[in-house]
N, C-alpha and C. Protein backbone atom coordinates (compact mmCIF):
# COMPACT_ATOMS: atom_id res chain seq x y z
N UNK A 1 131.19 69.27 98.20
CA UNK A 1 131.88 70.51 98.35
C UNK A 1 131.91 71.29 97.03
N UNK A 2 131.46 72.48 97.10
CA UNK A 2 131.43 73.34 95.93
C UNK A 2 132.74 74.13 95.93
N UNK A 3 133.60 73.97 94.90
CA UNK A 3 134.88 74.67 94.93
C UNK A 3 134.71 76.19 94.83
N UNK A 4 133.64 76.66 94.18
CA UNK A 4 133.44 78.10 94.04
C UNK A 4 131.97 78.41 94.38
N UNK A 5 131.76 79.39 95.27
CA UNK A 5 130.38 79.71 95.62
C UNK A 5 129.65 80.27 94.41
N UNK A 6 128.30 80.28 94.51
CA UNK A 6 127.50 80.77 93.40
C UNK A 6 127.83 82.22 93.03
N UNK A 7 127.92 83.07 94.02
CA UNK A 7 128.27 84.46 93.79
C UNK A 7 129.34 84.84 94.79
N UNK A 8 130.37 85.56 94.34
CA UNK A 8 131.35 86.01 95.29
C UNK A 8 130.77 87.15 96.13
N UNK A 9 131.33 87.38 97.30
CA UNK A 9 130.80 88.49 98.12
C UNK A 9 131.02 89.83 97.42
N UNK A 10 130.16 90.80 97.66
CA UNK A 10 130.33 92.09 96.99
C UNK A 10 131.63 92.76 97.42
N UNK A 11 132.26 93.43 96.45
CA UNK A 11 133.49 94.15 96.75
C UNK A 11 133.25 95.64 96.51
N UNK A 12 133.64 96.47 97.48
CA UNK A 12 133.45 97.90 97.36
C UNK A 12 134.83 98.53 97.28
N UNK A 13 134.93 99.50 96.37
CA UNK A 13 136.18 100.28 96.29
C UNK A 13 135.92 101.64 96.95
N UNK A 14 136.99 102.38 97.14
CA UNK A 14 136.87 103.71 97.73
C UNK A 14 136.04 104.62 96.82
N UNK A 15 136.18 104.43 95.53
CA UNK A 15 135.43 105.25 94.54
C UNK A 15 133.92 104.95 94.65
N UNK A 16 133.55 103.66 94.70
CA UNK A 16 132.12 103.34 94.80
C UNK A 16 131.53 103.83 96.13
N UNK A 17 132.31 103.76 97.21
CA UNK A 17 131.85 104.25 98.49
C UNK A 17 131.66 105.77 98.43
N UNK A 18 132.54 106.49 97.76
CA UNK A 18 132.40 107.94 97.60
C UNK A 18 131.17 108.29 96.78
N UNK A 19 130.88 107.50 95.75
CA UNK A 19 129.69 107.75 94.94
C UNK A 19 128.43 107.56 95.78
N UNK A 20 128.41 106.51 96.56
CA UNK A 20 127.22 106.25 97.41
C UNK A 20 127.03 107.39 98.42
N UNK A 21 128.13 107.85 99.03
CA UNK A 21 128.02 108.99 99.98
C UNK A 21 127.53 110.25 99.27
N UNK A 22 128.02 110.51 98.06
CA UNK A 22 127.57 111.68 97.32
C UNK A 22 126.10 111.57 96.95
N UNK A 23 125.62 110.37 96.59
CA UNK A 23 124.21 110.18 96.28
C UNK A 23 123.33 110.38 97.52
N UNK A 24 123.78 109.91 98.66
CA UNK A 24 123.02 110.14 99.89
C UNK A 24 122.99 111.65 100.21
N UNK A 25 124.12 112.31 100.05
CA UNK A 25 124.15 113.75 100.30
C UNK A 25 123.20 114.50 99.41
N UNK A 26 123.16 114.14 98.12
CA UNK A 26 122.24 114.79 97.17
C UNK A 26 120.78 114.48 97.55
N UNK A 27 120.52 113.27 97.99
CA UNK A 27 119.16 112.90 98.39
C UNK A 27 118.72 113.69 99.63
N UNK A 28 119.61 113.85 100.62
CA UNK A 28 119.27 114.61 101.80
C UNK A 28 119.08 116.10 101.49
N UNK A 29 119.90 116.63 100.58
CA UNK A 29 119.72 118.03 100.18
C UNK A 29 118.40 118.23 99.44
N UNK A 30 118.04 117.25 98.61
CA UNK A 30 116.77 117.33 97.90
C UNK A 30 115.61 117.25 98.88
N UNK A 31 115.74 116.43 99.92
CA UNK A 31 114.68 116.32 100.91
C UNK A 31 114.47 117.61 101.68
N UNK A 32 115.48 118.42 101.76
CA UNK A 32 115.37 119.72 102.45
C UNK A 32 114.52 120.70 101.62
N UNK A 33 114.55 120.57 100.29
CA UNK A 33 113.87 121.50 99.40
C UNK A 33 112.44 121.10 99.07
N UNK A 34 112.16 119.81 99.02
CA UNK A 34 110.82 119.35 98.63
C UNK A 34 110.04 118.90 99.87
N UNK A 35 108.78 118.66 99.69
CA UNK A 35 107.93 118.24 100.81
C UNK A 35 108.26 116.82 101.23
N UNK A 36 107.89 116.42 102.45
CA UNK A 36 108.18 115.04 102.88
C UNK A 36 107.49 114.00 102.00
N UNK A 37 106.32 114.27 101.49
CA UNK A 37 105.62 113.31 100.63
C UNK A 37 106.37 113.13 99.33
N UNK A 38 106.84 114.24 98.74
CA UNK A 38 107.59 114.16 97.48
C UNK A 38 108.94 113.46 97.71
N UNK A 39 109.58 113.73 98.84
CA UNK A 39 110.86 113.07 99.09
C UNK A 39 110.66 111.58 99.34
N UNK A 40 109.56 111.20 100.00
CA UNK A 40 109.28 109.77 100.19
C UNK A 40 109.00 109.10 98.85
N UNK A 41 108.28 109.78 97.97
CA UNK A 41 107.99 109.22 96.64
C UNK A 41 109.28 109.08 95.83
N UNK A 42 110.14 110.07 95.91
CA UNK A 42 111.42 109.99 95.19
C UNK A 42 112.29 108.87 95.75
N UNK A 43 112.31 108.73 97.08
CA UNK A 43 113.08 107.66 97.70
C UNK A 43 112.54 106.28 97.32
N UNK A 44 111.20 106.16 97.28
CA UNK A 44 110.60 104.89 96.87
C UNK A 44 110.94 104.57 95.43
N UNK A 45 110.89 105.56 94.57
CA UNK A 45 111.23 105.36 93.16
C UNK A 45 112.69 104.96 93.00
N UNK A 46 113.58 105.62 93.73
CA UNK A 46 115.01 105.31 93.64
C UNK A 46 115.28 103.89 94.14
N UNK A 47 114.63 103.52 95.24
CA UNK A 47 114.83 102.14 95.75
C UNK A 47 114.25 101.11 94.81
N UNK A 48 113.13 101.39 94.15
CA UNK A 48 112.58 100.45 93.18
C UNK A 48 113.50 100.27 91.99
N UNK A 49 114.05 101.37 91.50
CA UNK A 49 115.00 101.28 90.37
C UNK A 49 116.25 100.50 90.80
N UNK A 50 116.77 100.82 91.98
CA UNK A 50 117.95 100.09 92.48
C UNK A 50 117.65 98.62 92.64
N UNK A 51 116.48 98.26 93.16
CA UNK A 51 116.11 96.86 93.34
C UNK A 51 116.03 96.13 92.01
N UNK A 52 115.46 96.76 91.00
CA UNK A 52 115.37 96.12 89.69
C UNK A 52 116.73 95.93 89.07
N UNK A 53 117.59 96.94 89.17
CA UNK A 53 118.93 96.82 88.56
C UNK A 53 119.75 95.76 89.30
N UNK A 54 119.69 95.75 90.63
CA UNK A 54 120.44 94.76 91.40
C UNK A 54 119.91 93.36 91.12
N UNK A 55 118.59 93.21 91.05
CA UNK A 55 118.01 91.89 90.77
C UNK A 55 118.38 91.39 89.39
N UNK A 56 118.38 92.26 88.41
CA UNK A 56 118.79 91.84 87.05
C UNK A 56 120.26 91.45 87.02
N UNK A 57 121.09 92.19 87.72
CA UNK A 57 122.52 91.89 87.75
C UNK A 57 122.77 90.55 88.43
N UNK A 58 122.16 90.35 89.59
CA UNK A 58 122.37 89.09 90.33
C UNK A 58 121.79 87.91 89.52
N UNK A 59 120.63 88.09 88.91
CA UNK A 59 120.03 87.01 88.11
C UNK A 59 120.89 86.65 86.91
N UNK A 60 121.47 87.65 86.27
CA UNK A 60 122.36 87.38 85.11
C UNK A 60 123.58 86.62 85.58
N UNK A 61 124.17 87.03 86.67
CA UNK A 61 125.36 86.37 87.20
C UNK A 61 125.05 84.93 87.60
N UNK A 62 123.92 84.68 88.23
CA UNK A 62 123.57 83.32 88.61
C UNK A 62 123.28 82.45 87.38
N UNK A 63 122.69 83.03 86.36
CA UNK A 63 122.40 82.28 85.14
C UNK A 63 123.71 81.90 84.46
N UNK A 64 124.69 82.78 84.46
CA UNK A 64 125.98 82.49 83.83
C UNK A 64 126.75 81.43 84.59
N UNK A 65 126.60 81.38 85.92
CA UNK A 65 127.33 80.41 86.73
C UNK A 65 126.56 79.13 87.00
N UNK A 66 125.41 78.96 86.33
CA UNK A 66 124.59 77.79 86.57
C UNK A 66 125.33 76.53 86.11
N UNK A 67 125.34 75.50 86.92
CA UNK A 67 125.97 74.24 86.51
C UNK A 67 125.16 73.58 85.40
N UNK A 68 125.83 72.70 84.67
CA UNK A 68 125.17 71.97 83.62
C UNK A 68 124.13 71.03 84.22
N UNK A 69 122.95 71.05 83.67
CA UNK A 69 121.84 70.27 84.21
C UNK A 69 122.06 68.78 83.97
N UNK A 70 121.86 68.00 85.03
CA UNK A 70 121.92 66.56 84.96
C UNK A 70 120.54 66.02 84.62
N UNK A 71 120.46 64.88 83.97
CA UNK A 71 119.14 64.32 83.70
C UNK A 71 118.45 63.92 85.02
N UNK A 72 117.17 64.12 85.12
CA UNK A 72 116.48 63.81 86.38
C UNK A 72 116.48 62.29 86.64
N UNK A 73 116.46 61.97 87.93
CA UNK A 73 116.41 60.56 88.31
C UNK A 73 115.01 60.03 88.01
N UNK A 74 114.94 58.76 87.62
CA UNK A 74 113.60 58.21 87.30
C UNK A 74 112.75 58.11 88.57
N UNK A 75 111.49 58.38 88.42
CA UNK A 75 110.57 58.33 89.58
C UNK A 75 110.18 56.87 89.83
N UNK A 76 109.98 56.54 91.11
CA UNK A 76 109.54 55.19 91.41
C UNK A 76 108.12 54.96 90.93
N UNK A 77 107.87 53.77 90.46
CA UNK A 77 106.54 53.43 89.92
C UNK A 77 105.66 53.00 91.08
N UNK A 78 104.48 53.63 91.18
CA UNK A 78 103.54 53.27 92.20
C UNK A 78 102.36 52.53 91.59
N UNK A 79 101.80 51.63 92.35
CA UNK A 79 100.61 50.95 91.83
C UNK A 79 99.42 51.87 91.95
N UNK A 80 98.53 51.85 90.98
CA UNK A 80 97.39 52.77 90.99
C UNK A 80 96.43 52.46 92.12
N UNK A 81 95.67 53.48 92.56
CA UNK A 81 94.70 53.28 93.61
C UNK A 81 93.47 52.58 93.06
N UNK A 82 92.89 51.76 93.89
CA UNK A 82 91.62 51.14 93.51
C UNK A 82 90.49 52.09 93.92
N UNK A 83 89.28 51.78 93.50
CA UNK A 83 88.12 52.66 93.78
C UNK A 83 87.88 52.83 95.25
N UNK A 84 88.02 51.75 96.01
CA UNK A 84 87.72 51.83 97.44
C UNK A 84 88.80 52.53 98.24
N UNK A 85 89.99 52.74 97.66
CA UNK A 85 91.05 53.46 98.37
C UNK A 85 90.98 54.96 98.23
N UNK A 86 90.15 55.47 97.32
CA UNK A 86 90.01 56.89 97.19
C UNK A 86 89.26 57.44 98.41
N UNK A 87 89.55 58.67 98.77
CA UNK A 87 88.83 59.31 99.88
C UNK A 87 87.40 59.60 99.44
N UNK A 88 86.46 59.51 100.36
CA UNK A 88 85.08 59.79 100.00
C UNK A 88 84.89 61.29 99.68
N UNK A 89 83.93 61.56 98.83
CA UNK A 89 83.67 62.94 98.42
C UNK A 89 83.06 63.68 99.61
N UNK A 90 83.57 64.89 99.85
CA UNK A 90 83.04 65.69 100.95
C UNK A 90 82.20 66.86 100.38
N UNK A 91 81.54 67.56 101.27
CA UNK A 91 80.71 68.67 100.87
C UNK A 91 81.41 70.00 101.11
N UNK A 92 82.71 70.02 101.39
CA UNK A 92 83.40 71.27 101.72
C UNK A 92 83.50 72.19 100.53
N UNK A 93 83.54 71.69 99.33
CA UNK A 93 83.65 72.52 98.17
C UNK A 93 82.34 73.15 97.72
N UNK A 94 81.26 72.70 98.28
CA UNK A 94 79.94 73.23 97.91
C UNK A 94 79.67 74.49 98.69
N UNK A 95 79.09 75.48 98.02
CA UNK A 95 78.74 76.74 98.67
C UNK A 95 77.34 76.66 99.23
N UNK A 96 77.14 77.36 100.33
CA UNK A 96 75.84 77.42 100.97
C UNK A 96 75.49 78.89 101.20
N UNK A 97 74.21 79.14 101.42
CA UNK A 97 73.76 80.48 101.72
C UNK A 97 73.92 80.76 103.21
N UNK A 98 73.93 82.04 103.55
CA UNK A 98 74.00 82.41 104.96
C UNK A 98 72.65 82.05 105.60
N UNK A 99 72.71 81.33 106.70
CA UNK A 99 71.47 80.97 107.38
C UNK A 99 71.10 82.04 108.39
N UNK A 100 70.05 81.83 109.12
CA UNK A 100 69.57 82.82 110.09
C UNK A 100 70.59 83.10 111.18
N UNK A 101 71.32 82.06 111.58
CA UNK A 101 72.32 82.24 112.61
C UNK A 101 73.41 83.20 112.14
N UNK A 102 73.82 83.09 110.89
CA UNK A 102 74.83 83.99 110.34
C UNK A 102 74.36 85.43 110.30
N UNK A 103 73.08 85.63 109.91
CA UNK A 103 72.52 86.98 109.91
C UNK A 103 72.44 87.54 111.33
N UNK A 104 72.05 86.71 112.26
CA UNK A 104 71.97 87.13 113.68
C UNK A 104 73.32 87.56 114.22
N UNK A 105 74.32 86.73 113.96
CA UNK A 105 75.69 87.06 114.43
C UNK A 105 76.17 88.36 113.80
N UNK A 106 75.90 88.55 112.52
CA UNK A 106 76.32 89.77 111.84
C UNK A 106 75.62 91.00 112.43
N UNK A 107 74.34 90.92 112.69
CA UNK A 107 73.62 92.05 113.28
C UNK A 107 74.10 92.37 114.68
N UNK A 108 74.31 91.34 115.49
CA UNK A 108 74.77 91.54 116.87
C UNK A 108 76.18 92.15 116.87
N UNK A 109 77.07 91.63 116.04
CA UNK A 109 78.42 92.21 116.02
C UNK A 109 78.45 93.62 115.43
N UNK A 110 77.53 93.93 114.52
CA UNK A 110 77.45 95.30 113.99
C UNK A 110 77.01 96.25 115.09
N UNK A 111 76.03 95.86 115.89
CA UNK A 111 75.59 96.69 117.01
C UNK A 111 76.71 96.86 118.01
N UNK A 112 77.37 95.76 118.36
CA UNK A 112 78.49 95.84 119.32
C UNK A 112 79.62 96.70 118.80
N UNK A 113 79.91 96.61 117.50
CA UNK A 113 80.94 97.46 116.89
C UNK A 113 80.58 98.92 116.96
N UNK A 114 79.31 99.27 116.69
CA UNK A 114 78.89 100.67 116.77
C UNK A 114 79.00 101.19 118.20
N UNK A 115 78.62 100.40 119.17
CA UNK A 115 78.73 100.79 120.58
C UNK A 115 80.19 100.96 120.97
N UNK A 116 81.03 100.02 120.58
CA UNK A 116 82.45 100.08 120.92
C UNK A 116 83.11 101.32 120.33
N UNK A 117 82.80 101.66 119.09
CA UNK A 117 83.41 102.83 118.48
C UNK A 117 82.88 104.10 119.13
N UNK A 118 81.61 104.15 119.50
CA UNK A 118 81.08 105.33 120.19
C UNK A 118 81.74 105.51 121.55
N UNK A 119 81.96 104.40 122.27
CA UNK A 119 82.61 104.49 123.59
C UNK A 119 84.07 104.92 123.40
N UNK A 120 84.76 104.32 122.43
CA UNK A 120 86.16 104.71 122.18
C UNK A 120 86.26 106.16 121.75
N UNK A 121 85.33 106.62 120.92
CA UNK A 121 85.31 108.02 120.50
C UNK A 121 85.08 108.98 121.63
N UNK A 122 84.28 108.58 122.62
CA UNK A 122 84.04 109.44 123.77
C UNK A 122 85.30 109.59 124.63
N UNK A 123 86.18 108.61 124.59
CA UNK A 123 87.44 108.72 125.32
C UNK A 123 88.47 109.55 124.53
N UNK A 124 88.50 109.37 123.22
CA UNK A 124 89.49 110.05 122.38
C UNK A 124 89.16 111.51 122.18
N UNK A 125 87.89 111.83 121.90
CA UNK A 125 87.47 113.21 121.66
C UNK A 125 86.13 113.42 122.35
N UNK A 126 86.15 113.68 123.66
CA UNK A 126 84.88 113.74 124.38
C UNK A 126 83.96 114.90 123.94
N UNK A 127 84.51 115.98 123.45
CA UNK A 127 83.68 117.11 123.03
C UNK A 127 83.18 116.95 121.59
N UNK A 128 84.00 116.30 120.76
CA UNK A 128 83.65 116.18 119.33
C UNK A 128 82.66 115.07 119.06
N UNK A 129 82.64 114.05 119.88
CA UNK A 129 81.84 112.85 119.59
C UNK A 129 80.36 113.14 119.58
N UNK A 130 79.92 114.13 120.33
CA UNK A 130 78.47 114.35 120.43
C UNK A 130 77.92 115.26 119.36
N UNK A 131 78.76 115.72 118.42
CA UNK A 131 78.24 116.44 117.27
C UNK A 131 77.54 115.42 116.36
N UNK A 132 76.40 115.75 115.83
CA UNK A 132 75.60 114.75 115.10
C UNK A 132 76.34 114.10 113.94
N UNK A 133 77.09 114.87 113.16
CA UNK A 133 77.79 114.30 112.00
C UNK A 133 78.90 113.33 112.46
N UNK A 134 79.65 113.73 113.48
CA UNK A 134 80.74 112.88 113.99
C UNK A 134 80.15 111.62 114.61
N UNK A 135 79.09 111.76 115.37
CA UNK A 135 78.46 110.60 116.00
C UNK A 135 77.94 109.64 114.96
N UNK A 136 77.30 110.16 113.91
CA UNK A 136 76.77 109.31 112.85
C UNK A 136 77.88 108.54 112.12
N UNK A 137 78.99 109.24 111.84
CA UNK A 137 80.13 108.58 111.19
C UNK A 137 80.72 107.50 112.08
N UNK A 138 80.82 107.79 113.37
CA UNK A 138 81.35 106.78 114.32
C UNK A 138 80.45 105.56 114.37
N UNK A 139 79.14 105.77 114.47
CA UNK A 139 78.24 104.63 114.52
C UNK A 139 78.27 103.83 113.22
N UNK A 140 78.28 104.51 112.08
CA UNK A 140 78.28 103.80 110.80
C UNK A 140 79.57 103.02 110.60
N UNK A 141 80.70 103.64 110.93
CA UNK A 141 81.97 102.92 110.71
C UNK A 141 82.12 101.77 111.71
N UNK A 142 81.68 101.97 112.96
CA UNK A 142 81.74 100.87 113.93
C UNK A 142 80.82 99.74 113.56
N UNK A 143 79.64 100.05 113.06
CA UNK A 143 78.70 99.02 112.64
C UNK A 143 79.26 98.25 111.44
N UNK A 144 79.85 98.97 110.48
CA UNK A 144 80.41 98.29 109.29
C UNK A 144 81.57 97.39 109.70
N UNK A 145 82.49 97.92 110.51
CA UNK A 145 83.64 97.09 110.92
C UNK A 145 83.20 95.91 111.77
N UNK A 146 82.28 96.14 112.70
CA UNK A 146 81.79 95.06 113.55
C UNK A 146 81.06 94.00 112.75
N UNK A 147 80.21 94.42 111.82
CA UNK A 147 79.46 93.48 111.00
C UNK A 147 80.37 92.66 110.10
N UNK A 148 81.31 93.31 109.43
CA UNK A 148 82.23 92.58 108.56
C UNK A 148 83.10 91.63 109.38
N UNK A 149 83.60 92.12 110.53
CA UNK A 149 84.44 91.26 111.39
C UNK A 149 83.67 90.08 111.93
N UNK A 150 82.45 90.33 112.39
CA UNK A 150 81.62 89.24 112.91
C UNK A 150 81.27 88.23 111.86
N UNK A 151 80.90 88.68 110.65
CA UNK A 151 80.59 87.77 109.56
C UNK A 151 81.80 86.94 109.19
N UNK A 152 82.97 87.55 109.14
CA UNK A 152 84.20 86.83 108.78
C UNK A 152 84.53 85.78 109.83
N UNK A 153 84.51 86.16 111.09
CA UNK A 153 84.83 85.22 112.15
C UNK A 153 83.81 84.09 112.22
N UNK A 154 82.51 84.43 112.06
CA UNK A 154 81.48 83.40 112.09
C UNK A 154 81.69 82.38 110.97
N UNK A 155 81.93 82.86 109.75
CA UNK A 155 82.07 81.90 108.65
C UNK A 155 83.36 81.09 108.74
N UNK A 156 84.41 81.70 109.30
CA UNK A 156 85.64 80.94 109.51
C UNK A 156 85.37 79.82 110.51
N UNK A 157 84.72 80.15 111.63
CA UNK A 157 84.43 79.14 112.65
C UNK A 157 83.46 78.10 112.10
N UNK A 158 82.49 78.52 111.29
CA UNK A 158 81.50 77.60 110.71
C UNK A 158 82.22 76.60 109.82
N UNK A 159 83.10 77.06 108.93
CA UNK A 159 83.85 76.17 108.05
C UNK A 159 84.77 75.26 108.83
N UNK A 160 85.37 75.77 109.89
CA UNK A 160 86.24 74.93 110.73
C UNK A 160 85.45 73.80 111.37
N UNK A 161 84.27 74.14 111.90
CA UNK A 161 83.44 73.11 112.54
C UNK A 161 82.96 72.09 111.50
N UNK A 162 82.50 72.55 110.34
CA UNK A 162 82.05 71.64 109.31
C UNK A 162 83.18 70.72 108.82
N UNK A 163 84.35 71.26 108.65
CA UNK A 163 85.51 70.45 108.25
C UNK A 163 85.84 69.40 109.31
N UNK A 164 85.80 69.81 110.55
CA UNK A 164 86.11 68.86 111.63
C UNK A 164 85.05 67.77 111.69
N UNK A 165 83.78 68.13 111.53
CA UNK A 165 82.71 67.13 111.57
C UNK A 165 82.85 66.13 110.44
N UNK A 166 83.15 66.61 109.22
CA UNK A 166 83.31 65.69 108.09
C UNK A 166 84.56 64.84 108.25
N UNK A 167 85.61 65.40 108.80
CA UNK A 167 86.81 64.59 109.01
C UNK A 167 86.56 63.49 110.02
N UNK A 168 85.83 63.80 111.09
CA UNK A 168 85.51 62.79 112.09
C UNK A 168 84.54 61.75 111.53
N UNK A 169 83.64 62.17 110.67
CA UNK A 169 82.68 61.23 110.09
C UNK A 169 83.41 60.24 109.18
N UNK A 170 84.36 60.70 108.41
CA UNK A 170 85.03 59.85 107.43
C UNK A 170 86.29 59.21 107.96
N UNK A 171 86.73 59.57 109.18
CA UNK A 171 87.97 58.97 109.67
C UNK A 171 87.80 57.48 110.02
N UNK A 172 86.61 57.13 110.42
CA UNK A 172 86.38 55.71 110.77
C UNK A 172 86.31 54.84 109.54
N UNK A 173 85.91 55.42 108.40
CA UNK A 173 85.76 54.59 107.20
C UNK A 173 86.99 54.67 106.30
N UNK A 174 88.04 55.34 106.74
CA UNK A 174 89.23 55.46 105.90
C UNK A 174 89.95 54.12 105.81
N UNK A 175 90.41 53.83 104.63
CA UNK A 175 91.16 52.57 104.45
C UNK A 175 92.64 52.87 104.47
N UNK A 176 93.41 51.88 104.81
CA UNK A 176 94.86 52.03 104.83
C UNK A 176 95.45 51.55 103.53
N UNK A 177 96.54 52.12 103.15
CA UNK A 177 97.22 51.73 101.91
C UNK A 177 97.98 50.44 102.15
N UNK A 178 98.01 49.58 101.13
CA UNK A 178 98.68 48.29 101.29
C UNK A 178 100.14 48.45 101.47
C-alpha cells in the first residue's frame, strides 16, 4: 500500500478556469480573422507548447517524489550453454536478389493497379478520365502503387514462407535444455 499516490489529482480554481475560458475565446476570435490553415498551425503550435510545459512539470514532480532506490536483487546464476545447445545458424539474415518470380509479380500487379485506377477514375470523373493527361497520370499512379504494393506483399509472403520452412527444418533437430 502506497500511503501517498505519485501525483495528486489536478486541482482547478475558479481563476484558472476563467483563464482557460478567456484563452479559448481569444483563440476562437483569432480563428475568425485568419485562414483555417493559419489557425490550425497556431492551434498545433499552442498544443505543442502546452504539451512540453505540462510534460516538464509532471516529470519534475515525479522526479521529486521518486522513492529512494533499493539495491537490485541478485540475478540467478545459469549454467552456460554448450555448443550443441545453440540454435543452428539460419539463412534469414542473408539478403538475396529479386528472382524472376518477384519481377513477374511486380509487373502483373503494376498492370492490375493501372487498370484498377483507370476503372475507378471512370466512375469518379467519367468525363475527365479520357483526357490524355489525366489518363496518363491515372495509369502511371496506378501502376506505381500496384507495383510497389505487389512487390511488398510478395516479399513479405516470401520471407514468411522461408522462415516457416527453416523453422520446420530445424524443429526436428532442436535440443531440449537440461
